[in-house]
Amino acid sequence: MSTNDDLKAALGGESKAYMKYLASARIAEKEGRPQSARLFKALAEAEIVHAQNHLMVLGEVKSTDENLDFAIDGETYEFTQMYPSFIAQAEREGNQRALISFRGAMAAEKIHSELLGSLRKQEGKELDSKYYVCPMCGHITSGAAPDKCPTCNTSGSRFKMIE
């Protein structure tokens, strides 16, 4: 085992902890426990710092154009190969909850790839556009939130604006 292997393992652990803490904060908020929610959010933020530091040491964060190319490749892989195979497995097992999760993610990943591709084609000439993210399936739109999410029908008023 090498230090790079350890960094990759730590990155995976920190990334998973980040997601778990954010999910835990949502639950705490729903349960009316704001102090617990705030601590989970603070912990999540700290895990991001750790994960980003590990990525930098690994040399996995590069120029914006290289990062866009990497992101396009990753998002395209997810909706063309990864999620279709996951969906097939969930269908074989009859796992309806996983099917809903995988199908929503797969549809969103295709949109992500398209948004990244459009931005990459601008070759550094970036527009001033806001993005809106569906809190249920991860669908992203630019400019304005839709009336309803085209993937999962969540109300556009629930979309989170990213400036």
C-alpha atoms as a PDB file:
ATOM      1  CA  MET A   1       0.000   0.000   0.000  1.00  0.00           C
ATOM      2  CA  SER A   2       1.328   3.457  -0.918  1.00  0.00           C
ATOM      3  CA  THR A   3       0.700   6.943   0.403  1.00  0.00           C
ATOM      4  CA  ASN A   4      -1.326   7.653  -2.762  1.00  0.00           C
ATOM      5  CA  ASP A   5      -3.486   4.615  -1.986  1.00  0.00           C
ATOM      6  CA  ASP A   6      -3.966   6.001   1.534  1.00  0.00           C
ATOM      7  CA  LEU A   7      -4.882   9.428   0.126  1.00  0.00           C
ATOM      8  CA  LYS A   8      -7.455   7.828  -2.195  1.00  0.00           C
ATOM      9  CA  ALA A   9      -8.919   5.811   0.679  1.00  0.00           C
ATOM     10  CA  ALA A  10      -9.067   8.926   2.856  1.00  0.00           C
ATOM     11  CA  LEU A  11     -10.715  10.845   0.008  1.00  0.00           C
ATOM     12  CA  GLY A  12     -13.402   8.178  -0.260  1.00  0.00           C
ATOM     13  CA  GLY A  13     -13.999   8.219   3.480  1.00  0.00           C
ATOM     14  CA  GLU A  14     -14.141  11.998   3.705  1.00  0.00           C
ATOM     15  CA  SER A  15     -16.491  12.194   0.704  1.00  0.00           C
ATOM     16  CA  LYS A  16     -18.834   9.596   2.179  1.00  0.00           C
ATOM     17  CA  ALA A  17     -18.777  11.327   5.574  1.00  0.00           C
ATOM     18  CA  TYR A  18     -19.646  14.629   3.860  1.00  0.00           C
ATOM     19  CA  MET A  19     -22.696  13.092   2.229  1.00  0.00           C
ATOM     20  CA  LYS A  20     -23.749  11.272   5.390  1.00  0.00           C
ATOM     21  CA  TYR A  21     -23.489  14.474   7.460  1.00  0.00           C
ATOM     22  CA  LEU A  22     -25.550  16.463   4.942  1.00  0.00           C
ATOM     23  CA  ALA A  23     -28.219  13.769   4.943  1.00  0.00           C
ATOM     24  CA  SER A  24     -28.106  13.707   8.752  1.00  0.00           C
ATOM     25  CA  ALA A  25     -28.593  17.489   8.829  1.00  0.00           C
ATOM     26  CA  ARG A  26     -31.710  17.166   6.661  1.00  0.00           C
ATOM     27  CA  ILE A  27     -33.155  14.591   9.042  1.00  0.00           C
ATOM     28  CA  ALA A  28     -32.319  16.726  12.082  1.00  0.00           C
ATOM     29  CA  GLU A  29     -34.043  19.731  10.455  1.00  0.00           C
ATOM     30  CA  LYS A  30     -37.158  17.650   9.727  1.00  0.00           C
ATOM     31  CA  GLU A  31     -37.136  16.484  13.352  1.00  0.00           C
ATOM     32  CA  GLY A  32     -36.976  20.098  14.584  1.00  0.00           C
ATOM     33  CA  ARG A  33     -33.442  19.786  15.967  1.00  0.00           C
ATOM     34  CA  PRO A  34     -31.637  22.865  14.608  1.00  0.00           C
ATOM     35  CA  GLN A  35     -28.513  22.577  16.785  1.00  0.00           C
ATOM     36  CA  SER A  36     -27.914  19.015  15.616  1.00  0.00           C
ATOM     37  CA  ALA A  37     -28.531  20.118  12.023  1.00  0.00           C
ATOM     38  CA  ARG A  38     -26.006  22.947  12.321  1.00  0.00           C
ATOM     39  CA  LEU A  39     -23.346  20.654  13.790  1.00  0.00           C
ATOM     40  CA  PHE A  40     -23.892  18.081  11.026  1.00  0.00           C
ATOM     41  CA  LYS A  41     -23.558  20.879   8.437  1.00  0.00           C
ATOM     42  CA  ALA A  42     -20.358  22.119  10.104  1.00  0.00           C
ATOM     43  CA  LEU A  43     -18.960  18.590  10.123  1.00  0.00           C
ATOM     44  CA  ALA A  44     -19.851  18.223   6.446  1.00  0.00           C
ATOM     45  CA  GLU A  45     -18.035  21.454   5.636  1.00  0.00           C
ATOM     46  CA  ALA A  46     -14.949  20.210   7.495  1.00  0.00           C
ATOM     47  CA  GLU A  47     -15.013  16.928   5.559  1.00  0.00           C
ATOM     48  CA  ILE A  48     -15.059  18.934   2.314  1.00  0.00           C
ATOM     49  CA  VAL A  49     -11.884  20.696   3.395  1.00  0.00           C
ATOM     50  CA  HIS A  50     -10.217  17.347   4.055  1.00  0.00           C
ATOM     51  CA  ALA A  51     -11.384  15.839   0.759  1.00  0.00           C
ATOM     52  CA  GLN A  52     -10.277  18.857  -1.286  1.00  0.00           C
ATOM     53  CA  ASN A  53      -6.874  18.831   0.386  1.00  0.00           C
ATOM     54  CA  HIS A  54      -6.446  15.142  -0.504  1.00  0.00           C
ATOM     55  CA  LEU A  55      -7.495  15.822  -4.112  1.00  0.00           C
ATOM     56  CA  MET A  56      -4.929  18.602  -4.388  1.00  0.00           C
ATOM     57  CA  VAL A  57      -2.150  16.406  -3.009  1.00  0.00           C
ATOM     58  CA  LEU A  58      -3.140  13.663  -5.478  1.00  0.00           C
ATOM     59  CA  GLY A  59      -2.933  16.176  -8.345  1.00  0.00           C
ATOM     60  CA  GLU A  60      -6.486  15.395  -9.438  1.00  0.00           C
ATOM     61  CA  VAL A  61      -7.593  19.026  -9.700  1.00  0.00           C
ATOM     62  CA  LYS A  62      -6.178  20.736 -12.762  1.00  0.00           C
ATOM     63  CA  SER A  63      -7.049  23.629 -15.082  1.00  0.00           C
ATOM     64  CA  THR A  64     -10.714  24.472 -15.634  1.00  0.00           C
ATOM     65  CA  ASP A  65     -10.647  23.075 -19.177  1.00  0.00           C
ATOM     66  CA  GLU A  66      -9.084  19.815 -17.959  1.00  0.00           C
ATOM     67  CA  ASN A  67     -11.590  19.658 -15.106  1.00  0.00           C
ATOM     68  CA  LEU A  68     -14.470  20.237 -17.552  1.00  0.00           C
ATOM     69  CA  ASP A  69     -13.195  17.433 -19.804  1.00  0.00           C
ATOM     70  CA  PHE A  70     -12.859  15.103 -16.810  1.00  0.00           C
ATOM     71  CA  ALA A  71     -16.369  15.996 -15.619  1.00  0.00           C
ATOM     72  CA  ILE A  72     -17.869  15.443 -19.087  1.00  0.00           C
ATOM     73  CA  ASP A  73     -16.235  12.021 -19.302  1.00  0.00           C
ATOM     74  CA  GLY A  74     -17.431  11.077 -15.813  1.00  0.00           C
ATOM     75  CA  GLU A  75     -21.013  12.263 -16.284  1.00  0.00           C
ATOM     76  CA  THR A  76     -21.224  10.581 -19.703  1.00  0.00           C
ATOM     77  CA  TYR A  77     -19.941   7.291 -18.273  1.00  0.00           C
ATOM     78  CA  GLU A  78     -22.543   7.460 -15.512  1.00  0.00           C
ATOM     79  CA  PHE A  79     -25.569   7.854 -17.794  1.00  0.00           C
ATOM     80  CA  THR A  80     -24.331   5.589 -20.628  1.00  0.00           C
ATOM     81  CA  GLN A  81     -22.764   2.718 -18.684  1.00  0.00           C
ATOM     82  CA  MET A  82     -22.879   2.857 -14.904  1.00  0.00           C
ATOM     83  CA  TYR A  83     -26.544   3.602 -14.237  1.00  0.00           C
ATOM     84  CA  PRO A  84     -27.907   1.363 -17.029  1.00  0.00           C
ATOM     85  CA  SER A  85     -26.094  -1.607 -15.453  1.00  0.00           C
ATOM     86  CA  PHE A  86     -27.280  -0.606 -11.978  1.00  0.00           C
ATOM     87  CA  ILE A  87     -30.852  -0.314 -13.278  1.00  0.00           C
ATOM     88  CA  ALA A  88     -30.651  -3.755 -14.865  1.00  0.00           C
ATOM     89  CA  GLN A  89     -29.495  -5.261 -11.562  1.00  0.00           C
ATOM     90  CA  ALA A  90     -32.208  -3.478  -9.572  1.00  0.00           C
ATOM     91  CA  GLU A  91     -34.813  -4.712 -12.076  1.00  0.00           C
ATOM     92  CA  ARG A  92     -33.574  -8.299 -11.677  1.00  0.00           C
ATOM     93  CA  GLU A  93     -33.883  -7.927  -7.911  1.00  0.00           C
ATOM     94  CA  GLY A  94     -37.203  -6.071  -8.056  1.00  0.00           C
ATOM     95  CA  ASN A  95     -35.808  -3.216  -5.949  1.00  0.00           C
ATOM     96  CA  GLN A  96     -38.243  -0.421  -6.816  1.00  0.00           C
ATOM     97  CA  ARG A  97     -36.704   2.203  -4.535  1.00  0.00           C
ATOM     98  CA  ALA A  98     -33.286   1.676  -6.092  1.00  0.00           C
ATOM     99  CA  LEU A  99     -34.848   1.832  -9.573  1.00  0.00           C
ATOM    100  CA  ILE A 100     -36.399   5.218  -8.827  1.00  0.00           C
ATOM    101  CA  SER A 101     -33.116   6.519  -7.415  1.00  0.00           C
ATOM    102  CA  PHE A 102     -30.998   5.166 -10.287  1.00  0.00           C
ATOM    103  CA  ARG A 103     -33.380   6.323 -13.037  1.00  0.00           C
ATOM    104  CA  GLY A 104     -33.596   9.826 -11.617  1.00  0.00           C
ATOM    105  CA  ALA A 105     -29.822  10.026 -11.275  1.00  0.00           C
ATOM    106  CA  MET A 106     -29.261   8.678 -14.788  1.00  0.00           C
ATOM    107  CA  ALA A 107     -31.584  11.276 -16.332  1.00  0.00           C
ATOM    108  CA  ALA A 108     -29.910  14.051 -14.348  1.00  0.00           C
ATOM    109  CA  GLU A 109     -26.397  12.867 -15.287  1.00  0.00           C
ATOM    110  CA  LYS A 110     -27.274  13.195 -18.983  1.00  0.00           C
ATOM    111  CA  ILE A 111     -28.322  16.808 -18.414  1.00  0.00           C
ATOM    112  CA  HIS A 112     -25.147  17.422 -16.386  1.00  0.00           C
ATOM    113  CA  SER A 113     -23.038  16.144 -19.289  1.00  0.00           C
ATOM    114  CA  GLU A 114     -24.912  18.387 -21.728  1.00  0.00           C
ATOM    115  CA  LEU A 115     -24.476  21.454 -19.512  1.00  0.00           C
ATOM    116  CA  LEU A 116     -20.761  20.736 -19.128  1.00  0.00           C
ATOM    117  CA  GLY A 117     -20.393  20.194 -22.885  1.00  0.00           C
ATOM    118  CA  SER A 118     -22.110  23.496 -23.629  1.00  0.00           C
ATOM    119  CA  LEU A 119     -19.871  25.331 -21.202  1.00  0.00           C
ATOM    120  CA  ARG A 120     -16.760  23.619 -22.583  1.00  0.00           C
ATOM    121  CA  LYS A 121     -17.667  24.753 -26.116  1.00  0.00           C
ATOM    122  CA  GLN A 122     -17.674  28.370 -24.947  1.00  0.00           C
ATOM    123  CA  GLU A 123     -13.877  28.083 -24.643  1.00  0.00           C
ATOM    124  CA  GLY A 124     -13.485  30.363 -21.649  1.00  0.00           C
ATOM    125  CA  LYS A 125     -16.146  32.873 -22.713  1.00  0.00           C
ATOM    126  CA  GLU A 126     -18.406  32.333 -19.754  1.00  0.00           C
ATOM    127  CA  LEU A 127     -21.841  33.875 -19.448  1.00  0.00           C
ATOM    128  CA  ASP A 128     -23.330  35.086 -16.189  1.00  0.00           C
ATOM    129  CA  SER A 129     -25.948  32.409 -15.650  1.00  0.00           C
ATOM    130  CA  LYS A 130     -27.462  30.975 -12.495  1.00  0.00           C
ATOM    131  CA  TYR A 131     -28.162  27.285 -12.080  1.00  0.00           C
ATOM    132  CA  TYR A 132     -31.090  25.653 -10.313  1.00  0.00           C
ATOM    133  CA  VAL A 133     -30.865  22.168  -8.795  1.00  0.00           C
ATOM    134  CA  CYS A 134     -33.792  19.883  -8.068  1.00  0.00           C
ATOM    135  CA  PRO A 135     -33.571  18.729  -4.441  1.00  0.00           C
ATOM    136  CA  MET A 136     -35.140  15.360  -5.269  1.00  0.00           C
ATOM    137  CA  CYS A 137     -33.316  14.037  -8.340  1.00  0.00           C
ATOM    138  CA  GLY A 138     -30.425  16.441  -8.991  1.00  0.00           C
ATOM    139  CA  HIS A 139     -31.717  17.759 -12.329  1.00  0.00           C
ATOM    140  CA  ILE A 140     -30.019  21.079 -13.175  1.00  0.00           C
ATOM    141  CA  THR A 141     -31.361  23.919 -15.291  1.00  0.00           C
ATOM    142  CA  SER A 142     -29.685  27.184 -16.169  1.00  0.00           C
ATOM    143  CA  GLY A 143     -31.219  30.641 -16.235  1.00  0.00           C
ATOM    144  CA  ALA A 144     -34.406  29.909 -14.269  1.00  0.00           C
ATOM    145  CA  ALA A 145     -36.059  27.087 -12.414  1.00  0.00           C
ATOM    146  CA  PRO A 146     -38.742  25.241 -14.386  1.00  0.00           C
ATOM    147  CA  ASP A 147     -42.353  25.129 -13.208  1.00  0.00           C
ATOM    148  CA  LYS A 148     -41.812  21.420 -12.557  1.00  0.00           C
ATOM    149  CA  CYS A 149     -38.746  19.205 -12.738  1.00  0.00           C
ATOM    150  CA  PRO A 150     -38.772  17.418 -16.103  1.00  0.00           C
ATOM    151  CA  THR A 151     -37.304  14.327 -14.461  1.00  0.00           C
ATOM    152  CA  CYS A 152     -39.313  13.856 -11.258  1.00  0.00           C
ATOM    153  CA  ASN A 153     -42.101  16.501 -11.345  1.00  0.00           C
ATOM    154  CA  THR A 154     -40.900  18.273  -8.189  1.00  0.00           C
ATOM    155  CA  SER A 155     -42.160  21.849  -8.042  1.00  0.00           C
ATOM    156  CA  GLY A 156     -39.691  24.362  -9.455  1.00  0.00           C
ATOM    157  CA  SER A 157     -40.214  26.491  -6.347  1.00  0.00           C
ATOM    158  CA  ARG A 158     -38.242  23.863  -4.425  1.00  0.00           C
ATOM    159  CA  PHE A 159     -35.175  24.100  -6.693  1.00  0.00           C
ATOM    160  CA  LYS A 160     -32.037  25.456  -5.072  1.00  0.00           C
ATOM    161  CA  MET A 161     -30.451  28.437  -6.823  1.00  0.00           C
ATOM    162  CA  ILE A 162     -26.677  28.282  -7.300  1.00  0.00           C
ATOM    163  CA  GLU A 163     -25.032  31.654  -7.965  1.00  0.00           C
END
